[in-house]
Amino acid sequence: MTLKELQPQLLALTSVEKAQVIQFLLQNITDSWQGIEKTTGVCGGDACIRNTRIPLWLLVSYCQQGASDAKILDAYPSLTAIDLANAWTYAEAHPEELELAIRRNEED
């Protein structure tokens, strides 16, 4: 898809949706994701929820198995809805990375 093809769809977005697109693009360009961190030596360097050892691949795996956000939040009381929103945004931008991590950890 080209920018010219995408432009009418972008213009049709609400102001809030446009802000979300800008945030998503900025995060993608800088590879800096709000609420998500990768730390060498922590959880194999996988992307985790900030200040935790909860890897995103685990949350994505739970979601793939049918767990709702509510069920995940119940299982991890330290997480917030914002944490999950950040995780899902990251997951949308990095599906191959997370699928590889899921497969790698299923083998262990």
N, C-alpha and C. Protein backbone atom coordinates (compact mmCIF):
# COMPACT_ATOMS: atom_id res chain seq x y z
N MET A 1 0.85 -1.17 0.00
CA MET A 1 0.00 0.00 0.00
C MET A 1 0.90 1.24 0.00
N THR A 2 0.52 2.22 -0.78
CA THR A 2 1.30 3.45 -0.85
C THR A 2 0.67 4.51 0.05
N LEU A 3 1.44 5.55 0.33
CA LEU A 3 0.93 6.66 1.14
C LEU A 3 -0.26 7.31 0.44
N LYS A 4 -0.18 7.42 -0.88
CA LYS A 4 -1.28 8.03 -1.65
C LYS A 4 -2.56 7.23 -1.47
N GLU A 5 -2.46 5.91 -1.43
CA GLU A 5 -3.63 5.06 -1.23
C GLU A 5 -4.14 5.14 0.21
N LEU A 6 -3.24 5.32 1.13
CA LEU A 6 -3.58 5.35 2.56
C LEU A 6 -4.14 6.70 3.01
N GLN A 7 -3.77 7.76 2.30
CA GLN A 7 -4.13 9.11 2.72
C GLN A 7 -5.63 9.32 2.97
N PRO A 8 -6.54 8.88 2.09
CA PRO A 8 -7.97 9.09 2.38
C PRO A 8 -8.42 8.42 3.67
N GLN A 9 -7.89 7.24 3.96
CA GLN A 9 -8.25 6.54 5.19
C GLN A 9 -7.73 7.29 6.41
N LEU A 10 -6.51 7.81 6.33
CA LEU A 10 -5.95 8.57 7.44
C LEU A 10 -6.77 9.84 7.70
N LEU A 11 -7.16 10.51 6.64
CA LEU A 11 -7.93 11.74 6.79
C LEU A 11 -9.32 11.49 7.38
N ALA A 12 -9.84 10.28 7.19
CA ALA A 12 -11.17 9.93 7.70
C ALA A 12 -11.16 9.59 9.19
N LEU A 13 -9.97 9.42 9.77
CA LEU A 13 -9.87 9.06 11.19
C LEU A 13 -10.27 10.24 12.06
N THR A 14 -10.72 9.92 13.27
CA THR A 14 -11.00 10.97 14.26
C THR A 14 -9.67 11.53 14.77
N SER A 15 -9.73 12.63 15.49
CA SER A 15 -8.51 13.21 16.05
C SER A 15 -7.82 12.24 17.01
N VAL A 16 -8.60 11.53 17.79
CA VAL A 16 -8.03 10.56 18.73
C VAL A 16 -7.35 9.43 17.96
N GLU A 17 -7.99 8.93 16.92
CA GLU A 17 -7.40 7.85 16.12
C GLU A 17 -6.13 8.33 15.42
N LYS A 18 -6.12 9.56 14.94
CA LYS A 18 -4.91 10.11 14.31
C LYS A 18 -3.78 10.18 15.32
N ALA A 19 -4.08 10.59 16.55
CA ALA A 19 -3.05 10.64 17.60
C ALA A 19 -2.51 9.24 17.88
N GLN A 20 -3.39 8.24 17.87
CA GLN A 20 -2.96 6.86 18.11
C GLN A 20 -2.06 6.39 16.97
N VAL A 21 -2.38 6.77 15.74
CA VAL A 21 -1.54 6.40 14.59
C VAL A 21 -0.17 7.03 14.73
N ILE A 22 -0.14 8.30 15.10
CA ILE A 22 1.14 9.00 15.27
C ILE A 22 1.97 8.32 16.36
N GLN A 23 1.33 7.99 17.48
CA GLN A 23 2.05 7.33 18.58
C GLN A 23 2.60 5.98 18.11
N PHE A 24 1.77 5.22 17.40
CA PHE A 24 2.19 3.92 16.91
C PHE A 24 3.39 4.05 15.97
N LEU A 25 3.31 4.99 15.03
CA LEU A 25 4.40 5.18 14.08
C LEU A 25 5.68 5.63 14.77
N LEU A 26 5.55 6.53 15.73
CA LEU A 26 6.72 7.00 16.47
C LEU A 26 7.37 5.86 17.24
N GLN A 27 6.55 5.05 17.88
CA GLN A 27 7.09 3.90 18.62
C GLN A 27 7.78 2.94 17.67
N ASN A 28 7.19 2.72 16.52
CA ASN A 28 7.74 1.79 15.55
C ASN A 28 9.06 2.30 14.99
N ILE A 29 9.13 3.58 14.69
CA ILE A 29 10.35 4.17 14.12
C ILE A 29 11.48 4.15 15.14
N THR A 30 11.19 4.52 16.37
CA THR A 30 12.23 4.61 17.39
C THR A 30 12.45 3.30 18.11
N ASP A 31 11.57 2.33 17.89
CA ASP A 31 11.59 1.04 18.59
C ASP A 31 11.58 1.25 20.10
N SER A 32 10.83 2.26 20.51
CA SER A 32 10.66 2.58 21.93
C SER A 32 9.17 2.47 22.23
N TRP A 33 8.81 1.48 23.00
CA TRP A 33 7.40 1.17 23.23
C TRP A 33 7.02 1.51 24.66
N GLN A 34 6.06 2.38 24.81
CA GLN A 34 5.61 2.80 26.13
C GLN A 34 5.19 1.58 26.96
N GLY A 35 5.77 1.47 28.14
CA GLY A 35 5.40 0.40 29.05
C GLY A 35 6.02 -0.95 28.75
N ILE A 36 6.87 -1.02 27.71
CA ILE A 36 7.50 -2.27 27.31
C ILE A 36 9.00 -2.07 27.38
N GLU A 37 9.70 -3.07 27.91
CA GLU A 37 11.16 -2.97 27.95
C GLU A 37 11.80 -4.31 27.65
N LYS A 38 12.99 -4.21 27.08
CA LYS A 38 13.83 -5.38 26.85
C LYS A 38 15.12 -5.14 27.61
N THR A 39 15.47 -6.10 28.47
CA THR A 39 16.68 -5.97 29.27
C THR A 39 17.52 -7.21 29.07
N THR A 40 18.75 -7.01 28.64
CA THR A 40 19.66 -8.13 28.45
C THR A 40 19.79 -8.90 29.76
N GLY A 41 19.64 -10.21 29.68
CA GLY A 41 19.77 -11.05 30.87
C GLY A 41 18.50 -11.22 31.68
N VAL A 42 17.44 -10.51 31.31
CA VAL A 42 16.15 -10.66 31.99
C VAL A 42 15.18 -11.32 31.02
N CYS A 43 14.66 -12.47 31.39
CA CYS A 43 13.73 -13.23 30.56
C CYS A 43 14.28 -13.44 29.15
N GLY A 44 15.57 -13.73 29.09
CA GLY A 44 16.19 -14.00 27.79
C GLY A 44 16.25 -12.80 26.87
N GLY A 45 16.07 -11.60 27.41
CA GLY A 45 16.08 -10.40 26.60
C GLY A 45 14.78 -10.15 25.86
N ASP A 46 13.76 -10.99 26.14
CA ASP A 46 12.46 -10.82 25.50
C ASP A 46 11.76 -9.56 26.00
N ALA A 47 10.87 -9.03 25.19
CA ALA A 47 10.08 -7.87 25.57
C ALA A 47 9.19 -8.24 26.76
N CYS A 48 9.21 -7.39 27.78
CA CYS A 48 8.42 -7.61 29.00
C CYS A 48 7.63 -6.35 29.33
N ILE A 49 6.59 -6.54 30.14
CA ILE A 49 5.89 -5.39 30.70
C ILE A 49 6.89 -4.66 31.60
N ARG A 50 6.89 -3.35 31.54
CA ARG A 50 7.85 -2.54 32.30
C ARG A 50 7.87 -2.95 33.78
N ASN A 51 9.09 -2.95 34.32
CA ASN A 51 9.32 -3.23 35.74
C ASN A 51 8.77 -4.58 36.21
N THR A 52 8.65 -5.53 35.29
CA THR A 52 8.22 -6.88 35.66
C THR A 52 9.09 -7.89 34.91
N ARG A 53 8.85 -9.13 35.21
CA ARG A 53 9.45 -10.22 34.45
C ARG A 53 8.34 -10.97 33.71
N ILE A 54 7.32 -10.25 33.29
CA ILE A 54 6.20 -10.85 32.55
C ILE A 54 6.45 -10.61 31.07
N PRO A 55 6.87 -11.66 30.35
CA PRO A 55 7.16 -11.48 28.93
C PRO A 55 5.88 -11.35 28.09
N LEU A 56 5.98 -10.54 27.06
CA LEU A 56 4.82 -10.33 26.18
C LEU A 56 4.42 -11.61 25.47
N TRP A 57 5.39 -12.45 25.12
CA TRP A 57 5.05 -13.68 24.41
C TRP A 57 4.10 -14.53 25.26
N LEU A 58 4.26 -14.49 26.58
CA LEU A 58 3.40 -15.27 27.46
C LEU A 58 1.97 -14.72 27.41
N LEU A 59 1.83 -13.40 27.45
CA LEU A 59 0.50 -12.80 27.39
C LEU A 59 -0.17 -13.08 26.05
N VAL A 60 0.61 -12.99 24.97
CA VAL A 60 0.07 -13.28 23.64
C VAL A 60 -0.36 -14.74 23.57
N SER A 61 0.44 -15.62 24.13
CA SER A 61 0.11 -17.04 24.15
C SER A 61 -1.20 -17.29 24.89
N TYR A 62 -1.38 -16.67 26.06
CA TYR A 62 -2.63 -16.80 26.80
C TYR A 62 -3.81 -16.32 25.96
N CYS A 63 -3.62 -15.20 25.29
CA CYS A 63 -4.68 -14.65 24.44
C CYS A 63 -5.02 -15.62 23.32
N GLN A 64 -4.01 -16.21 22.70
CA GLN A 64 -4.23 -17.19 21.63
C GLN A 64 -4.98 -18.42 22.13
N GLN A 65 -4.82 -18.72 23.42
CA GLN A 65 -5.50 -19.87 24.01
C GLN A 65 -6.90 -19.52 24.49
N GLY A 66 -7.32 -18.27 24.25
CA GLY A 66 -8.68 -17.87 24.57
C GLY A 66 -8.86 -17.07 25.84
N ALA A 67 -7.77 -16.73 26.52
CA ALA A 67 -7.90 -15.94 27.75
C ALA A 67 -8.30 -14.51 27.41
N SER A 68 -9.24 -13.99 28.13
CA SER A 68 -9.68 -12.60 27.95
C SER A 68 -8.73 -11.68 28.71
N ASP A 69 -8.81 -10.39 28.40
CA ASP A 69 -8.02 -9.41 29.15
C ASP A 69 -8.35 -9.50 30.64
N ALA A 70 -9.62 -9.65 30.96
CA ALA A 70 -10.04 -9.73 32.36
C ALA A 70 -9.39 -10.92 33.05
N LYS A 71 -9.35 -12.05 32.37
CA LYS A 71 -8.75 -13.25 32.96
C LYS A 71 -7.24 -13.06 33.17
N ILE A 72 -6.59 -12.42 32.20
CA ILE A 72 -5.15 -12.15 32.33
C ILE A 72 -4.90 -11.20 33.49
N LEU A 73 -5.72 -10.16 33.60
CA LEU A 73 -5.56 -9.20 34.70
C LEU A 73 -5.81 -9.85 36.05
N ASP A 74 -6.73 -10.81 36.10
CA ASP A 74 -6.96 -11.55 37.35
C ASP A 74 -5.74 -12.40 37.71
N ALA A 75 -5.12 -13.00 36.70
CA ALA A 75 -3.97 -13.87 36.93
C ALA A 75 -2.72 -13.08 37.31
N TYR A 76 -2.65 -11.84 36.85
CA TYR A 76 -1.50 -10.97 37.11
C TYR A 76 -1.99 -9.66 37.71
N PRO A 77 -2.25 -9.63 39.02
CA PRO A 77 -2.82 -8.43 39.65
C PRO A 77 -1.94 -7.19 39.55
N SER A 78 -0.65 -7.37 39.29
CA SER A 78 0.23 -6.21 39.17
C SER A 78 0.06 -5.51 37.82
N LEU A 79 -0.59 -6.18 36.87
CA LEU A 79 -0.80 -5.57 35.54
C LEU A 79 -2.04 -4.69 35.55
N THR A 80 -2.02 -3.70 34.67
CA THR A 80 -3.18 -2.82 34.49
C THR A 80 -3.70 -2.98 33.07
N ALA A 81 -4.87 -2.43 32.83
CA ALA A 81 -5.43 -2.45 31.48
C ALA A 81 -4.51 -1.70 30.51
N ILE A 82 -3.86 -0.67 30.99
CA ILE A 82 -2.92 0.08 30.15
C ILE A 82 -1.74 -0.80 29.77
N ASP A 83 -1.26 -1.62 30.71
CA ASP A 83 -0.17 -2.56 30.40
C ASP A 83 -0.58 -3.48 29.26
N LEU A 84 -1.80 -4.00 29.34
CA LEU A 84 -2.26 -4.90 28.27
C LEU A 84 -2.42 -4.16 26.96
N ALA A 85 -2.94 -2.95 26.99
CA ALA A 85 -3.08 -2.17 25.76
C ALA A 85 -1.70 -1.95 25.12
N ASN A 86 -0.70 -1.62 25.94
CA ASN A 86 0.66 -1.46 25.43
C ASN A 86 1.19 -2.77 24.86
N ALA A 87 0.90 -3.87 25.54
CA ALA A 87 1.34 -5.18 25.07
C ALA A 87 0.72 -5.52 23.73
N TRP A 88 -0.57 -5.27 23.58
CA TRP A 88 -1.25 -5.61 22.32
C TRP A 88 -0.75 -4.72 21.17
N THR A 89 -0.45 -3.46 21.46
CA THR A 89 0.10 -2.58 20.43
C THR A 89 1.46 -3.08 19.97
N TYR A 90 2.29 -3.46 20.93
CA TYR A 90 3.61 -4.01 20.60
C TYR A 90 3.44 -5.31 19.80
N ALA A 91 2.52 -6.15 20.23
CA ALA A 91 2.30 -7.44 19.57
C ALA A 91 1.87 -7.26 18.11
N GLU A 92 1.05 -6.26 17.86
CA GLU A 92 0.61 -5.99 16.48
C GLU A 92 1.79 -5.59 15.60
N ALA A 93 2.75 -4.89 16.17
CA ALA A 93 3.90 -4.41 15.41
C ALA A 93 5.01 -5.44 15.29
N HIS A 94 5.03 -6.44 16.17
CA HIS A 94 6.12 -7.43 16.21
C HIS A 94 5.59 -8.87 16.26
N PRO A 95 4.69 -9.25 15.37
CA PRO A 95 4.11 -10.60 15.47
C PRO A 95 5.13 -11.72 15.28
N GLU A 96 6.09 -11.54 14.38
CA GLU A 96 7.07 -12.60 14.13
C GLU A 96 7.95 -12.82 15.36
N GLU A 97 8.37 -11.73 15.98
CA GLU A 97 9.21 -11.82 17.18
C GLU A 97 8.50 -12.60 18.29
N LEU A 98 7.24 -12.31 18.51
CA LEU A 98 6.51 -12.95 19.59
C LEU A 98 6.16 -14.40 19.26
N GLU A 99 5.84 -14.68 18.00
CA GLU A 99 5.56 -16.07 17.61
C GLU A 99 6.81 -16.93 17.78
N LEU A 100 7.96 -16.38 17.40
CA LEU A 100 9.22 -17.11 17.57
C LEU A 100 9.48 -17.37 19.06
N ALA A 101 9.24 -16.38 19.91
CA ALA A 101 9.45 -16.55 21.35
C ALA A 101 8.49 -17.59 21.91
N ILE A 102 7.25 -17.60 21.44
CA ILE A 102 6.28 -18.60 21.90
C ILE A 102 6.77 -20.00 21.53
N ARG A 103 7.17 -20.18 20.27
CA ARG A 103 7.65 -21.49 19.83
C ARG A 103 8.90 -21.91 20.61
N ARG A 104 9.81 -20.98 20.81
CA ARG A 104 11.04 -21.27 21.54
C ARG A 104 10.75 -21.72 22.97
N ASN A 105 9.78 -21.08 23.60
CA ASN A 105 9.46 -21.40 24.99
C ASN A 105 8.56 -22.63 25.12
N GLU A 106 7.85 -22.99 24.08
CA GLU A 106 7.06 -24.22 24.11
C GLU A 106 7.96 -25.43 24.04
N GLU A 107 9.12 -25.27 23.38
CA GLU A 107 10.07 -26.37 23.26
C GLU A 107 10.78 -26.66 24.57
N ASP A 108 10.89 -25.66 25.44
CA ASP A 108 11.62 -25.83 26.71
C ASP A 108 10.88 -26.71 27.68
